[in-house]
Amino acid sequence: MVGQRPRPAMSVISCGRNLVLIGMMGAGKSAVAAELARRLGRERIDTDELVESELDQTIPEIFAQRGERAFREAEARMCRHVGTIHGAVVAVGGGAVLDPANVTALGATGDVVWLDATPEALVERVGGGDERPMLADDDVSARVRQLAGQRRERYCRSAAVRVDTTDRDVADIATEILDWARHRPGLLAREEREEIA
């Protein structure tokens, strides 16, 4: 059709890439994801919630009755699912980065932000760890430090940016992420960039 401009095809850029939050339990992923989703008018997805829905059990029940392997397999399915959608804010379980295939799937349609905090802040936020199977039957402080140490390099390699959440409120953290996101090609739709400018 001579003289007519082709209609743009629907693409990742037209609806924005996923904004994916990774980090340790207690880093603030769920709360920050909710705030970002609210500000952007995007869907909020939590991979832990998807696992619970798929298996019709809470995470502590899954670990107790099916084991960590069943949880990790379901988590991998949810990461692959997230890798097929666009324009969401995604909070990812703390251990998902241990599987490189999860990182690849999440990065296929998303830009990854690592929410980090000091071990002291993480311990304070997770409390006694009662609802967190990875902390069961352990000295919570020692276990949090151990897991953070084991995962730190994976978080660093998986993320495009690190945001320290220690002693900060959710709104402030979300603002920092949005300031960063405005300059990432394709992460935000044009309307979203204009809205937060």
N, C-alpha and C. Protein backbone atom coordinates (compact mmCIF):
# COMPACT_ATOMS: atom_id res chain seq x y z
N MET A 1 0.84 -1.17 0.00
CA MET A 1 0.00 0.00 0.00
C MET A 1 0.89 1.24 0.00
N VAL A 2 1.06 1.77 -1.15
CA VAL A 2 1.93 2.92 -1.33
C VAL A 2 1.32 4.13 -0.62
N GLY A 3 2.19 4.86 0.07
CA GLY A 3 1.74 6.09 0.73
C GLY A 3 1.17 5.89 2.12
N GLN A 4 0.90 4.66 2.50
CA GLN A 4 0.37 4.42 3.84
C GLN A 4 1.47 3.88 4.73
N ARG A 5 1.49 4.38 5.93
CA ARG A 5 2.46 3.87 6.90
C ARG A 5 1.95 2.55 7.45
N PRO A 6 2.82 1.57 7.58
CA PRO A 6 2.38 0.30 8.15
C PRO A 6 2.00 0.48 9.61
N ARG A 7 0.97 -0.24 10.03
CA ARG A 7 0.57 -0.21 11.44
C ARG A 7 1.63 -0.93 12.25
N PRO A 8 2.01 -0.37 13.37
CA PRO A 8 3.02 -1.05 14.18
C PRO A 8 2.47 -2.35 14.74
N ALA A 9 3.31 -3.36 14.72
CA ALA A 9 2.92 -4.64 15.30
C ALA A 9 2.98 -4.54 16.82
N MET A 10 2.14 -5.30 17.48
CA MET A 10 2.18 -5.35 18.94
C MET A 10 3.54 -5.90 19.33
N SER A 11 4.21 -5.24 20.23
CA SER A 11 5.54 -5.67 20.61
C SER A 11 5.76 -5.46 22.09
N VAL A 12 6.87 -5.95 22.57
CA VAL A 12 7.24 -5.76 23.97
C VAL A 12 7.27 -4.27 24.29
N ILE A 13 7.82 -3.49 23.37
CA ILE A 13 7.97 -2.06 23.64
C ILE A 13 6.61 -1.38 23.73
N SER A 14 5.61 -1.81 22.96
CA SER A 14 4.33 -1.12 22.98
C SER A 14 3.60 -1.29 24.31
N CYS A 15 3.87 -2.35 25.03
CA CYS A 15 3.18 -2.53 26.32
C CYS A 15 4.16 -2.56 27.48
N GLY A 16 5.41 -2.44 27.20
CA GLY A 16 6.42 -2.43 28.25
C GLY A 16 6.86 -3.82 28.65
N ARG A 17 8.12 -3.91 29.04
CA ARG A 17 8.66 -5.18 29.53
C ARG A 17 8.24 -5.37 30.98
N ASN A 18 8.34 -6.59 31.44
CA ASN A 18 8.07 -6.86 32.86
C ASN A 18 9.13 -6.19 33.71
N LEU A 19 8.73 -5.76 34.88
CA LEU A 19 9.64 -5.24 35.89
C LEU A 19 9.72 -6.33 36.95
N VAL A 20 10.87 -7.02 37.01
CA VAL A 20 11.03 -8.23 37.82
C VAL A 20 11.87 -7.91 39.05
N LEU A 21 11.34 -8.23 40.23
CA LEU A 21 12.04 -7.98 41.48
C LEU A 21 12.55 -9.29 42.07
N ILE A 22 13.86 -9.34 42.33
CA ILE A 22 14.46 -10.50 42.96
C ILE A 22 15.13 -10.06 44.26
N GLY A 23 15.46 -11.01 45.10
CA GLY A 23 16.18 -10.71 46.33
C GLY A 23 15.78 -11.68 47.42
N MET A 24 16.44 -11.53 48.54
CA MET A 24 16.21 -12.40 49.69
C MET A 24 14.81 -12.19 50.27
N MET A 25 14.34 -13.22 50.98
CA MET A 25 13.12 -13.05 51.76
C MET A 25 13.34 -11.90 52.73
N GLY A 26 12.35 -11.04 52.84
CA GLY A 26 12.47 -9.89 53.71
C GLY A 26 13.05 -8.66 53.04
N ALA A 27 13.44 -8.76 51.78
CA ALA A 27 14.01 -7.61 51.08
C ALA A 27 12.94 -6.59 50.69
N GLY A 28 11.67 -7.01 50.67
CA GLY A 28 10.58 -6.10 50.34
C GLY A 28 9.97 -6.30 48.97
N LYS A 29 10.22 -7.44 48.34
CA LYS A 29 9.77 -7.67 46.97
C LYS A 29 8.25 -7.55 46.82
N SER A 30 7.50 -8.20 47.68
CA SER A 30 6.04 -8.19 47.55
C SER A 30 5.47 -6.80 47.76
N ALA A 31 5.93 -6.10 48.78
CA ALA A 31 5.42 -4.76 49.07
C ALA A 31 5.80 -3.77 47.97
N VAL A 32 7.04 -3.83 47.51
CA VAL A 32 7.49 -2.91 46.46
C VAL A 32 6.78 -3.24 45.15
N ALA A 33 6.58 -4.51 44.85
CA ALA A 33 5.85 -4.89 43.63
C ALA A 33 4.43 -4.33 43.65
N ALA A 34 3.77 -4.41 44.79
CA ALA A 34 2.41 -3.88 44.91
C ALA A 34 2.40 -2.37 44.67
N GLU A 35 3.37 -1.67 45.23
CA GLU A 35 3.45 -0.21 45.04
C GLU A 35 3.75 0.15 43.59
N LEU A 36 4.68 -0.55 42.97
CA LEU A 36 5.00 -0.28 41.57
C LEU A 36 3.80 -0.57 40.67
N ALA A 37 3.12 -1.68 40.92
CA ALA A 37 1.95 -2.03 40.11
C ALA A 37 0.86 -0.96 40.26
N ARG A 38 0.67 -0.47 41.47
CA ARG A 38 -0.33 0.57 41.71
C ARG A 38 0.02 1.84 40.94
N ARG A 39 1.26 2.26 41.03
CA ARG A 39 1.67 3.51 40.37
C ARG A 39 1.63 3.40 38.85
N LEU A 40 1.97 2.24 38.33
CA LEU A 40 2.02 2.06 36.87
C LEU A 40 0.70 1.57 36.28
N GLY A 41 -0.22 1.13 37.13
CA GLY A 41 -1.46 0.56 36.63
C GLY A 41 -1.24 -0.79 35.96
N ARG A 42 -0.25 -1.51 36.45
CA ARG A 42 0.10 -2.82 35.89
C ARG A 42 -0.40 -3.94 36.79
N GLU A 43 -0.44 -5.12 36.21
CA GLU A 43 -0.74 -6.32 36.99
C GLU A 43 0.46 -6.65 37.87
N ARG A 44 0.18 -7.07 39.11
CA ARG A 44 1.23 -7.54 40.01
C ARG A 44 1.18 -9.06 40.01
N ILE A 45 2.32 -9.68 39.81
CA ILE A 45 2.42 -11.14 39.83
C ILE A 45 3.45 -11.52 40.88
N ASP A 46 3.12 -12.49 41.71
CA ASP A 46 4.04 -13.01 42.72
C ASP A 46 4.21 -14.49 42.43
N THR A 47 5.42 -14.92 42.10
CA THR A 47 5.61 -16.32 41.72
C THR A 47 5.29 -17.27 42.87
N ASP A 48 5.53 -16.86 44.11
CA ASP A 48 5.16 -17.71 45.24
C ASP A 48 3.65 -17.91 45.30
N GLU A 49 2.89 -16.85 45.05
CA GLU A 49 1.43 -16.97 45.04
C GLU A 49 0.96 -17.87 43.90
N LEU A 50 1.62 -17.78 42.74
CA LEU A 50 1.26 -18.66 41.62
C LEU A 50 1.52 -20.12 41.97
N VAL A 51 2.64 -20.39 42.63
CA VAL A 51 2.95 -21.77 43.05
C VAL A 51 1.88 -22.26 44.02
N GLU A 52 1.52 -21.45 44.99
CA GLU A 52 0.50 -21.85 45.96
C GLU A 52 -0.83 -22.13 45.27
N SER A 53 -1.18 -21.30 44.30
CA SER A 53 -2.43 -21.50 43.57
C SER A 53 -2.39 -22.78 42.74
N GLU A 54 -1.29 -23.01 42.05
CA GLU A 54 -1.18 -24.20 41.20
C GLU A 54 -1.26 -25.48 42.03
N LEU A 55 -0.57 -25.50 43.17
CA LEU A 55 -0.51 -26.72 43.99
C LEU A 55 -1.59 -26.75 45.07
N ASP A 56 -2.36 -25.68 45.18
CA ASP A 56 -3.46 -25.58 46.14
C ASP A 56 -3.00 -25.85 47.57
N GLN A 57 -1.84 -25.31 47.90
CA GLN A 57 -1.27 -25.43 49.24
C GLN A 57 -0.44 -24.18 49.51
N THR A 58 -0.25 -23.89 50.79
CA THR A 58 0.67 -22.81 51.15
C THR A 58 2.10 -23.31 50.95
N ILE A 59 3.03 -22.39 50.90
CA ILE A 59 4.43 -22.80 50.72
C ILE A 59 4.90 -23.68 51.88
N PRO A 60 4.59 -23.34 53.14
CA PRO A 60 4.99 -24.27 54.21
C PRO A 60 4.40 -25.67 54.04
N GLU A 61 3.15 -25.75 53.58
CA GLU A 61 2.53 -27.07 53.34
C GLU A 61 3.24 -27.81 52.21
N ILE A 62 3.60 -27.09 51.16
CA ILE A 62 4.29 -27.72 50.03
C ILE A 62 5.61 -28.31 50.51
N PHE A 63 6.40 -27.53 51.24
CA PHE A 63 7.68 -28.03 51.75
C PHE A 63 7.48 -29.22 52.67
N ALA A 64 6.48 -29.14 53.55
CA ALA A 64 6.27 -30.21 54.53
C ALA A 64 5.75 -31.49 53.89
N GLN A 65 4.85 -31.37 52.91
CA GLN A 65 4.18 -32.54 52.36
C GLN A 65 4.79 -33.04 51.05
N ARG A 66 5.37 -32.16 50.28
CA ARG A 66 5.89 -32.55 48.97
C ARG A 66 7.41 -32.39 48.86
N GLY A 67 7.96 -31.51 49.69
CA GLY A 67 9.40 -31.29 49.68
C GLY A 67 9.82 -30.10 48.84
N GLU A 68 11.06 -29.68 49.05
CA GLU A 68 11.58 -28.51 48.34
C GLU A 68 11.64 -28.75 46.83
N ARG A 69 11.94 -29.98 46.42
CA ARG A 69 12.04 -30.26 44.99
C ARG A 69 10.73 -29.96 44.27
N ALA A 70 9.60 -30.37 44.85
CA ALA A 70 8.29 -30.10 44.23
C ALA A 70 8.05 -28.59 44.14
N PHE A 71 8.45 -27.88 45.19
CA PHE A 71 8.30 -26.43 45.17
C PHE A 71 9.14 -25.82 44.06
N ARG A 72 10.40 -26.22 43.96
CA ARG A 72 11.30 -25.65 42.94
C ARG A 72 10.83 -25.97 41.52
N GLU A 73 10.27 -27.16 41.32
CA GLU A 73 9.74 -27.51 40.00
C GLU A 73 8.56 -26.62 39.63
N ALA A 74 7.67 -26.40 40.59
CA ALA A 74 6.52 -25.51 40.34
C ALA A 74 6.99 -24.07 40.14
N GLU A 75 7.98 -23.66 40.91
CA GLU A 75 8.54 -22.31 40.77
C GLU A 75 9.12 -22.12 39.37
N ALA A 76 9.81 -23.13 38.86
CA ALA A 76 10.38 -23.06 37.52
C ALA A 76 9.28 -22.92 36.46
N ARG A 77 8.18 -23.63 36.64
CA ARG A 77 7.05 -23.50 35.71
C ARG A 77 6.50 -22.07 35.74
N MET A 78 6.41 -21.49 36.92
CA MET A 78 5.88 -20.14 37.05
C MET A 78 6.84 -19.12 36.42
N CYS A 79 8.14 -19.33 36.57
CA CYS A 79 9.11 -18.44 35.93
C CYS A 79 9.01 -18.53 34.41
N ARG A 80 8.82 -19.72 33.89
CA ARG A 80 8.64 -19.88 32.44
C ARG A 80 7.36 -19.17 31.99
N HIS A 81 6.30 -19.28 32.80
CA HIS A 81 5.04 -18.60 32.48
C HIS A 81 5.26 -17.08 32.42
N VAL A 82 5.93 -16.54 33.44
CA VAL A 82 6.20 -15.10 33.47
C VAL A 82 7.00 -14.69 32.24
N GLY A 83 7.86 -15.56 31.76
CA GLY A 83 8.65 -15.26 30.58
C GLY A 83 7.85 -15.20 29.29
N THR A 84 6.55 -15.48 29.35
CA THR A 84 5.70 -15.41 28.16
C THR A 84 4.78 -14.21 28.17
N ILE A 85 4.80 -13.42 29.23
CA ILE A 85 3.89 -12.28 29.32
C ILE A 85 4.68 -10.98 29.33
N HIS A 86 3.96 -9.89 29.17
CA HIS A 86 4.58 -8.56 29.10
C HIS A 86 3.81 -7.58 29.98
N GLY A 87 4.51 -6.56 30.43
CA GLY A 87 3.86 -5.44 31.08
C GLY A 87 3.39 -5.67 32.50
N ALA A 88 4.00 -6.58 33.23
CA ALA A 88 3.62 -6.84 34.62
C ALA A 88 4.75 -6.43 35.56
N VAL A 89 4.41 -6.32 36.83
CA VAL A 89 5.41 -6.18 37.89
C VAL A 89 5.45 -7.52 38.59
N VAL A 90 6.62 -8.13 38.66
CA VAL A 90 6.75 -9.51 39.13
C VAL A 90 7.66 -9.57 40.36
N ALA A 91 7.13 -10.14 41.44
CA ALA A 91 7.94 -10.45 42.63
C ALA A 91 8.28 -11.94 42.56
N VAL A 92 9.56 -12.24 42.66
CA VAL A 92 10.03 -13.62 42.48
C VAL A 92 10.55 -14.17 43.80
N GLY A 93 10.26 -15.43 44.06
CA GLY A 93 10.75 -16.08 45.27
C GLY A 93 12.26 -15.96 45.38
N GLY A 94 12.76 -15.88 46.61
CA GLY A 94 14.16 -15.61 46.87
C GLY A 94 15.14 -16.61 46.28
N GLY A 95 14.74 -17.88 46.16
CA GLY A 95 15.65 -18.90 45.67
C GLY A 95 15.55 -19.17 44.18
N ALA A 96 14.67 -18.49 43.48
CA ALA A 96 14.46 -18.76 42.06
C ALA A 96 15.73 -18.57 41.24
N VAL A 97 16.59 -17.64 41.66
CA VAL A 97 17.80 -17.35 40.88
C VAL A 97 18.83 -18.47 40.94
N LEU A 98 18.62 -19.45 41.80
CA LEU A 98 19.56 -20.57 41.89
C LEU A 98 19.52 -21.44 40.65
N ASP A 99 18.42 -21.38 39.90
CA ASP A 99 18.28 -22.12 38.65
C ASP A 99 18.50 -21.16 37.48
N PRO A 100 19.60 -21.29 36.75
CA PRO A 100 19.86 -20.37 35.64
C PRO A 100 18.73 -20.31 34.61
N ALA A 101 18.00 -21.40 34.44
CA ALA A 101 16.88 -21.39 33.48
C ALA A 101 15.79 -20.42 33.93
N ASN A 102 15.59 -20.28 35.23
CA ASN A 102 14.62 -19.31 35.73
C ASN A 102 15.05 -17.89 35.38
N VAL A 103 16.32 -17.61 35.58
CA VAL A 103 16.84 -16.27 35.29
C VAL A 103 16.68 -15.96 33.80
N THR A 104 16.97 -16.93 32.96
CA THR A 104 16.81 -16.75 31.52
C THR A 104 15.36 -16.47 31.17
N ALA A 105 14.44 -17.25 31.73
CA ALA A 105 13.02 -17.06 31.45
C ALA A 105 12.54 -15.69 31.90
N LEU A 106 12.92 -15.29 33.10
CA LEU A 106 12.49 -14.00 33.63
C LEU A 106 13.07 -12.84 32.82
N GLY A 107 14.29 -12.99 32.36
CA GLY A 107 14.94 -11.94 31.58
C GLY A 107 14.46 -11.86 30.14
N ALA A 108 13.76 -12.88 29.68
CA ALA A 108 13.30 -12.89 28.29
C ALA A 108 12.33 -11.74 28.01
N THR A 109 11.49 -11.42 28.97
CA THR A 109 10.50 -10.35 28.78
C THR A 109 10.55 -9.33 29.91
N GLY A 110 11.63 -9.35 30.69
CA GLY A 110 11.68 -8.43 31.82
C GLY A 110 13.06 -7.90 32.11
N ASP A 111 13.08 -6.79 32.82
CA ASP A 111 14.31 -6.22 33.34
C ASP A 111 14.32 -6.51 34.84
N VAL A 112 15.43 -7.02 35.33
CA VAL A 112 15.50 -7.56 36.69
C VAL A 112 16.14 -6.56 37.64
N VAL A 113 15.46 -6.32 38.76
CA VAL A 113 15.93 -5.42 39.81
C VAL A 113 16.17 -6.26 41.06
N TRP A 114 17.36 -6.14 41.61
CA TRP A 114 17.71 -6.85 42.85
C TRP A 114 17.45 -5.94 44.04
N LEU A 115 16.50 -6.33 44.88
CA LEU A 115 16.26 -5.63 46.13
C LEU A 115 17.15 -6.27 47.18
N ASP A 116 18.04 -5.48 47.73
CA ASP A 116 19.02 -5.96 48.69
C ASP A 116 18.80 -5.26 50.02
N ALA A 117 19.25 -5.86 51.09
CA ALA A 117 19.19 -5.25 52.42
C ALA A 117 20.27 -5.90 53.27
N THR A 118 20.62 -5.25 54.34
CA THR A 118 21.62 -5.83 55.24
C THR A 118 21.04 -7.08 55.89
N PRO A 119 21.88 -8.01 56.28
CA PRO A 119 21.37 -9.20 56.99
C PRO A 119 20.55 -8.83 58.22
N GLU A 120 20.95 -7.79 58.93
CA GLU A 120 20.21 -7.36 60.12
C GLU A 120 18.79 -6.93 59.76
N ALA A 121 18.64 -6.18 58.67
CA ALA A 121 17.32 -5.75 58.23
C ALA A 121 16.48 -6.94 57.79
N LEU A 122 17.08 -7.87 57.07
CA LEU A 122 16.35 -9.07 56.63
C LEU A 122 15.84 -9.86 57.82
N VAL A 123 16.70 -10.07 58.81
CA VAL A 123 16.31 -10.83 60.00
C VAL A 123 15.16 -10.14 60.72
N GLU A 124 15.25 -8.83 60.86
CA GLU A 124 14.18 -8.08 61.53
C GLU A 124 12.86 -8.24 60.78
N ARG A 125 12.90 -8.20 59.47
CA ARG A 125 11.68 -8.27 58.66
C ARG A 125 11.05 -9.66 58.63
N VAL A 126 11.86 -10.70 58.64
CA VAL A 126 11.29 -12.05 58.58
C VAL A 126 10.86 -12.57 59.94
N GLY A 127 11.22 -11.86 60.99
CA GLY A 127 10.80 -12.26 62.34
C GLY A 127 11.32 -13.64 62.69
N GLY A 128 10.42 -14.46 63.21
CA GLY A 128 10.80 -15.81 63.62
C GLY A 128 10.91 -16.79 62.48
N GLY A 129 10.50 -16.38 61.28
CA GLY A 129 10.60 -17.25 60.12
C GLY A 129 9.56 -18.36 60.08
N ASP A 130 8.49 -18.22 60.88
CA ASP A 130 7.50 -19.28 61.01
C ASP A 130 6.85 -19.68 59.68
N GLU A 131 6.63 -18.72 58.80
CA GLU A 131 5.98 -19.01 57.52
C GLU A 131 6.98 -19.18 56.39
N ARG A 132 8.24 -19.35 56.73
CA ARG A 132 9.29 -19.44 55.72
C ARG A 132 10.04 -20.75 55.89
N PRO A 133 9.72 -21.74 55.06
CA PRO A 133 10.31 -23.07 55.23
C PRO A 133 11.83 -23.11 55.18
N MET A 134 12.44 -22.21 54.43
CA MET A 134 13.91 -22.21 54.36
C MET A 134 14.54 -21.80 55.68
N LEU A 135 13.72 -21.27 56.61
CA LEU A 135 14.23 -20.85 57.92
C LEU A 135 13.79 -21.78 59.04
N ALA A 136 13.02 -22.80 58.72
CA ALA A 136 12.48 -23.69 59.74
C ALA A 136 13.58 -24.42 60.50
N ASP A 137 13.36 -24.57 61.80
CA ASP A 137 14.25 -25.36 62.66
C ASP A 137 15.69 -24.85 62.67
N ASP A 138 15.88 -23.59 62.47
CA ASP A 138 17.23 -23.03 62.45
C ASP A 138 17.29 -21.77 63.29
N ASP A 139 18.48 -21.37 63.61
CA ASP A 139 18.73 -20.04 64.14
C ASP A 139 18.47 -19.10 62.96
N VAL A 140 17.37 -18.33 63.03
CA VAL A 140 16.95 -17.51 61.90
C VAL A 140 18.06 -16.57 61.44
N SER A 141 18.70 -15.91 62.37
CA SER A 141 19.75 -14.96 62.01
C SER A 141 20.89 -15.65 61.25
N ALA A 142 21.34 -16.77 61.76
CA ALA A 142 22.44 -17.49 61.09
C ALA A 142 22.00 -18.00 59.72
N ARG A 143 20.77 -18.50 59.62
CA ARG A 143 20.29 -19.04 58.35
C ARG A 143 20.11 -17.94 57.30
N VAL A 144 19.57 -16.79 57.71
CA VAL A 144 19.42 -15.68 56.77
C VAL A 144 20.79 -15.25 56.24
N ARG A 145 21.75 -15.14 57.13
CA ARG A 145 23.10 -14.74 56.71
C ARG A 145 23.70 -15.78 55.76
N GLN A 146 23.49 -17.05 56.06
CA GLN A 146 24.02 -18.11 55.21
C GLN A 146 23.39 -18.05 53.82
N LEU A 147 22.06 -17.97 53.76
CA LEU A 147 21.38 -17.93 52.47
C LEU A 147 21.77 -16.68 51.68
N ALA A 148 21.84 -15.55 52.36
CA ALA A 148 22.22 -14.30 51.68
C ALA A 148 23.63 -14.42 51.09
N GLY A 149 24.53 -15.01 51.84
CA GLY A 149 25.89 -15.20 51.35
C GLY A 149 25.94 -16.13 50.15
N GLN A 150 25.16 -17.21 50.20
CA GLN A 150 25.14 -18.18 49.10
C GLN A 150 24.53 -17.59 47.83
N ARG A 151 23.56 -16.71 47.98
CA ARG A 151 22.81 -16.21 46.83
C ARG A 151 23.31 -14.89 46.27
N ARG A 152 24.11 -14.20 47.03
CA ARG A 152 24.52 -12.83 46.66
C ARG A 152 25.07 -12.73 45.24
N GLU A 153 25.99 -13.61 44.88
CA GLU A 153 26.57 -13.55 43.54
C GLU A 153 25.52 -13.80 42.47
N ARG A 154 24.59 -14.73 42.73
CA ARG A 154 23.52 -15.01 41.75
C ARG A 154 22.64 -13.78 41.55
N TYR A 155 22.28 -13.13 42.66
CA TYR A 155 21.47 -11.91 42.54
C TYR A 155 22.22 -10.86 41.71
N CYS A 156 23.47 -10.69 42.02
CA CYS A 156 24.29 -9.68 41.34
C CYS A 156 24.37 -9.96 39.83
N ARG A 157 24.60 -11.20 39.45
CA ARG A 157 24.71 -11.56 38.03
C ARG A 157 23.37 -11.51 37.31
N SER A 158 22.28 -11.70 38.04
CA SER A 158 20.96 -11.79 37.42
C SER A 158 20.31 -10.43 37.18
N ALA A 159 20.73 -9.42 37.92
CA ALA A 159 20.02 -8.14 37.91
C ALA A 159 20.71 -7.08 37.06
N ALA A 160 19.89 -6.19 36.53
CA ALA A 160 20.41 -5.03 35.81
C ALA A 160 20.79 -3.92 36.78
N VAL A 161 20.18 -3.92 37.95
CA VAL A 161 20.44 -2.88 38.94
C VAL A 161 20.17 -3.44 40.34
N ARG A 162 20.90 -2.90 41.33
CA ARG A 162 20.71 -3.26 42.74
C ARG A 162 20.14 -2.05 43.46
N VAL A 163 19.11 -2.28 44.27
CA VAL A 163 18.50 -1.22 45.07
C VAL A 163 18.55 -1.66 46.53
N ASP A 164 19.18 -0.87 47.37
CA ASP A 164 19.28 -1.17 48.80
C ASP A 164 17.98 -0.72 49.47
N THR A 165 17.32 -1.65 50.16
CA THR A 165 16.04 -1.35 50.82
C THR A 165 16.20 -1.14 52.32
N THR A 166 17.41 -1.21 52.83
CA THR A 166 17.66 -1.08 54.27
C THR A 166 17.21 0.30 54.76
N ASP A 167 16.40 0.30 55.81
CA ASP A 167 15.95 1.54 56.46
C ASP A 167 15.26 2.50 55.50
N ARG A 168 14.52 1.96 54.54
CA ARG A 168 13.80 2.80 53.57
C ARG A 168 12.36 2.36 53.50
N ASP A 169 11.47 3.31 53.20
CA ASP A 169 10.07 2.92 53.06
C ASP A 169 9.78 2.52 51.62
N VAL A 170 8.67 1.83 51.46
CA VAL A 170 8.29 1.25 50.17
C VAL A 170 8.16 2.32 49.09
N ALA A 171 7.54 3.44 49.42
CA ALA A 171 7.33 4.50 48.43
C ALA A 171 8.66 5.04 47.91
N ASP A 172 9.62 5.22 48.78
CA ASP A 172 10.94 5.72 48.39
C ASP A 172 11.66 4.72 47.48
N ILE A 173 11.56 3.45 47.82
CA ILE A 173 12.19 2.40 47.01
C ILE A 173 11.56 2.36 45.62
N ALA A 174 10.22 2.42 45.58
CA ALA A 174 9.51 2.40 44.30
C ALA A 174 9.89 3.60 43.44
N THR A 175 10.03 4.76 44.06
CA THR A 175 10.42 5.96 43.31
C THR A 175 11.80 5.79 42.69
N GLU A 176 12.74 5.24 43.45
CA GLU A 176 14.08 5.01 42.90
C GLU A 176 14.03 4.06 41.71
N ILE A 177 13.25 3.00 41.82
CA ILE A 177 13.14 2.03 40.72
C ILE A 177 12.51 2.68 39.50
N LEU A 178 11.47 3.48 39.69
CA LEU A 178 10.82 4.13 38.56
C LEU A 178 11.74 5.15 37.89
N ASP A 179 12.53 5.86 38.68
CA ASP A 179 13.51 6.79 38.09
C ASP A 179 14.49 6.04 37.20
N TRP A 180 14.94 4.88 37.66
CA TRP A 180 15.84 4.04 36.87
C TRP A 180 15.11 3.51 35.62
N ALA A 181 13.88 3.03 35.81
CA ALA A 181 13.12 2.39 34.73
C ALA A 181 12.83 3.35 33.58
N ARG A 182 12.65 4.62 33.89
CA ARG A 182 12.36 5.62 32.84
C ARG A 182 13.43 5.65 31.77
N HIS A 183 14.64 5.27 32.12
CA HIS A 183 15.76 5.35 31.19
C HIS A 183 16.12 4.00 30.56
N ARG A 184 15.33 2.98 30.82
CA ARG A 184 15.57 1.64 30.26
C ARG A 184 14.72 1.48 29.00
N PRO A 185 15.34 1.36 27.84
CA PRO A 185 14.57 1.22 26.60
C PRO A 185 13.61 0.03 26.66
N GLY A 186 12.34 0.31 26.41
CA GLY A 186 11.34 -0.75 26.31
C GLY A 186 10.75 -1.23 27.62
N LEU A 187 11.31 -0.80 28.74
CA LEU A 187 10.79 -1.29 30.02
C LEU A 187 9.42 -0.70 30.32
N LEU A 188 9.28 0.59 30.11
CA LEU A 188 8.00 1.26 30.34
C LEU A 188 7.40 1.68 29.01
N ALA A 189 6.09 1.62 28.93
CA ALA A 189 5.40 2.15 27.76
C ALA A 189 5.50 3.68 27.81
N ARG A 190 5.33 4.30 26.67
CA ARG A 190 5.44 5.76 26.59
C ARG A 190 4.52 6.44 27.59
N GLU A 191 3.29 5.95 27.69
CA GLU A 191 2.31 6.54 28.61
C GLU A 191 2.78 6.43 30.06
N GLU A 192 3.42 5.33 30.39
CA GLU A 192 3.92 5.15 31.75
C GLU A 192 5.06 6.12 32.03
N ARG A 193 5.95 6.29 31.08
CA ARG A 193 7.06 7.24 31.26
C ARG A 193 6.53 8.65 31.46
N GLU A 194 5.52 9.02 30.67
CA GLU A 194 4.93 10.36 30.80
C GLU A 194 4.23 10.52 32.15
N GLU A 195 3.57 9.49 32.60
CA GLU A 195 2.83 9.53 33.86
C GLU A 195 3.75 9.75 35.05
N ILE A 196 4.93 9.15 35.03
CA ILE A 196 5.82 9.25 36.19
C ILE A 196 6.85 10.36 36.04
N ALA A 197 6.86 11.04 34.90
CA ALA A 197 7.86 12.10 34.66
C ALA A 197 7.62 13.29 35.58
